[in-house]
Protein backbone atom coordinates (compact mmCIF):
# COMPACT_ATOMS: atom_id res chain seq x y z
CA ASP A 1 0.00 0.00 0.00
CA ARG A 2 1.59 3.27 -1.12
CA ALA A 3 -0.38 5.24 1.50
CA ASP A 4 1.62 3.44 4.19
CA LYS A 5 4.78 5.07 2.83
CA GLY A 6 3.66 8.47 4.09
CA ARG A 7 1.84 9.73 0.99
CA ASN A 8 -1.83 10.39 1.04
CA ARG A 9 -3.86 9.45 -2.05
CA ARG A 10 -4.60 13.13 -2.55
CA GLU A 11 -0.86 13.79 -2.74
CA MET A 12 -0.13 10.99 -5.22
CA SER A 13 0.47 11.70 -8.88
CA LEU A 14 -1.78 10.19 -11.53
CA LYS A 15 0.88 7.58 -12.28
CA GLU A 16 1.13 6.59 -8.61
CA LEU A 17 -2.66 6.28 -8.38
CA ARG A 18 -2.77 4.15 -11.53
CA ASP A 19 0.04 1.95 -10.18
CA THR A 20 -1.82 1.49 -6.90
CA ILE A 21 -4.99 0.59 -8.77
CA GLU A 22 -3.08 -1.85 -10.96
CA LEU A 23 -1.45 -3.55 -7.96
CA THR A 24 -4.74 -3.96 -6.09
CA ALA A 25 -7.09 -4.60 -9.04
CA ASP A 26 -7.35 -8.33 -8.32
CA LEU A 27 -8.05 -7.79 -4.63
CA LYS A 28 -10.75 -5.12 -5.00
CA ASN A 29 -10.02 -4.13 -1.42
CA ARG A 30 -10.28 -0.84 0.45
CA THR A 31 -7.03 0.47 -1.03
CA TYR A 32 -8.29 -0.20 -4.56
CA TYR A 33 -11.60 1.63 -4.08
CA ARG A 34 -9.97 4.57 -2.33
CA ALA A 35 -7.40 4.95 -5.11
CA MET A 36 -10.10 4.65 -7.79
CA THR A 37 -12.18 7.30 -6.01
CA ALA A 38 -9.19 9.62 -5.72
CA LEU A 39 -8.46 9.19 -9.43
CA ALA A 40 -12.09 9.85 -10.38
CA ASP A 41 -12.14 12.96 -8.16
CA ARG A 42 -9.16 14.37 -10.02
CA PHE A 43 -11.27 14.56 -13.17
CA SER A 44 -14.70 15.37 -11.72
CA MET A 45 -13.79 18.22 -9.35
CA PRO A 46 -12.88 20.83 -12.00
CA PHE A 47 -16.26 20.34 -13.64
CA SER A 48 -18.14 20.99 -10.41
CA CYS A 49 -17.09 24.66 -10.53
CA LEU A 50 -18.34 24.91 -14.09
CA PHE A 51 -21.75 23.37 -13.35
CA ILE A 52 -22.32 25.35 -10.16
CA GLY A 53 -21.32 28.52 -12.05
CA ILE A 54 -23.82 27.80 -14.83
CA LEU A 55 -26.51 27.14 -12.23
CA ALA A 56 -25.71 30.40 -10.43
CA PHE A 57 -25.82 32.33 -13.71
CA ALA A 58 -29.21 30.88 -14.69
CA LEU A 59 -30.71 31.51 -11.27
CA GLY A 60 -29.22 35.00 -11.02
CA ALA A 61 -30.54 35.99 -14.43
CA GLN A 62 -34.08 35.06 -13.46
CA LEU A 63 -34.29 35.79 -9.74
CA GLN A 64 -36.97 38.42 -9.10
CA VAL A 65 -36.99 38.49 -5.33
CA ASN A 66 -35.62 41.84 -4.21
CA ARG A 67 -33.85 40.66 -1.11
CA LYS A 68 -30.21 39.65 -1.31
CA SER A 69 -30.75 37.10 1.42
CA PHE A 70 -32.86 34.96 -0.95
CA GLY A 71 -30.01 34.81 -3.45
CA ALA A 72 -27.61 33.79 -0.71
CA LEU A 73 -30.10 31.21 0.57
CA LEU A 74 -30.58 29.81 -2.91
CA GLY A 75 -26.82 29.63 -3.49
CA PHE A 76 -26.33 27.93 -0.14
CA THR A 77 -29.08 25.43 -0.97
CA ALA A 78 -27.48 24.59 -4.33
CA PHE A 79 -24.10 24.10 -2.67
CA LEU A 80 -25.67 22.00 0.09
CA LEU A 81 -27.34 19.77 -2.51
CA TYR A 82 -24.00 19.36 -4.29
CA TYR A 83 -22.16 18.59 -1.05
CA ILE A 84 -24.73 16.03 0.13
CA LEU A 85 -24.57 14.22 -3.22
CA TYR A 86 -20.77 14.40 -3.23
CA SER A 87 -20.47 13.05 0.32
CA MET A 88 -22.95 10.25 -0.35
CA GLY A 89 -21.33 9.20 -3.64
CA HIS A 90 -17.79 9.56 -2.32
CA SER A 91 -18.53 7.51 0.80
CA MET A 92 -20.26 4.74 -1.13
CA ALA A 93 -17.50 4.66 -3.77
CA LYS A 94 -14.73 4.35 -1.17
CA LYS A 95 -16.55 1.39 0.39
CA GLY A 96 -17.09 -0.30 -2.98
CA GLN A 97 -20.89 0.04 -2.81
CA MET A 98 -20.95 2.23 -5.94
CA ASP A 99 -18.72 2.53 -8.96
CA PRO A 100 -16.04 5.13 -8.07
CA TRP A 101 -16.53 7.07 -11.31
CA LEU A 102 -20.28 7.28 -10.78
CA GLY A 103 -19.79 8.25 -7.14
CA SER A 104 -17.51 11.12 -8.12
CA TRP A 105 -19.58 12.29 -11.08
CA LEU A 106 -23.05 11.92 -9.50
CA PRO A 107 -23.20 15.46 -8.05
CA ASN A 108 -21.91 16.92 -11.31
CA ILE A 109 -24.55 15.05 -13.28
CA VAL A 110 -27.41 16.21 -11.04
CA ILE A 111 -26.24 19.84 -10.78
CA GLY A 112 -25.30 19.89 -14.47
CA VAL A 113 -28.74 18.68 -15.60
CA LEU A 114 -30.43 21.17 -13.26
CA ALA A 115 -28.17 23.98 -14.51
CA VAL A 116 -28.77 23.22 -18.18
CA TYR A 117 -32.53 22.95 -17.58
CA PHE A 118 -32.61 26.32 -15.80
CA LEU A 119 -30.37 27.90 -18.44
CA VAL A 120 -32.64 26.72 -21.26
CA GLN A 121 -35.71 28.01 -19.39
CA VAL A 122 -34.04 31.42 -18.96
CA ALA A 123 -33.03 31.49 -22.64
CA LEU A 124 -36.64 30.78 -23.62
CA GLU A 125 -37.67 33.58 -21.23
CA LYS A 126 -39.85 31.25 -19.19
CA GLU A 127 -40.23 31.80 -15.48
CA LEU A 128 -38.47 29.20 -13.36
CA TRP A 129 -40.54 27.16 -10.94
CA ILE A 130 -38.03 27.95 -8.22
CA ASN A 131 -38.54 31.66 -8.83
CA LYS A 132 -42.31 31.24 -8.45
CA MET A 133 -41.75 29.36 -5.22
CA LEU A 134 -39.45 32.08 -3.87
CA LEU A 135 -41.92 34.82 -4.79
CA LYS A 136 -44.70 32.98 -2.91
CA LEU A 137 -42.40 32.54 0.06
CA ASN A 138 -41.44 36.23 -0.05
CA ASN A 139 -45.10 37.32 -0.20
CA TYR A 140 -45.95 35.03 2.69
CA ILE A 141 -43.12 36.42 4.82
CA VAL A 142 -44.08 40.03 4.00
CA SER A 143 -47.76 39.40 4.79
CA PHE A 144 -46.82 37.58 8.00
CA GLY A 145 -44.70 40.57 9.05
CA LYS A 146 -47.64 42.94 8.51
CA GLN A 147 -49.92 40.81 10.69
CA VAL A 148 -47.57 40.97 13.65
């Protein structure tokens, strides 16, 4: 196990990760799945910034709620969704319960599909369902504040 020599899988080069995978491919043990997950993460992580950026652009272009706190809440919710999917997929991939490539790419797939859907809706100048929901929530909060 190369990790026992003082190097973390995150610190290994691509060649070292591939060598580790090659050495443990027959065993399909913990070391194999962790190395496969680390290798898959190397390729999936850069795309997460792209997909979250596209999602933020689409939501920002359409958001009609006047309060900045709703934009921050929406951004936090999108990041939380990504992080939950990433943690779930990463954990299952490291244990061998899910294919490591699918575990690493699952959050990108979900956020990417959502981002492209929202971007197409904005391009067609259709109102997003999430925007309608936020407007209803905003109106409810404003009317609740007036009652108190």
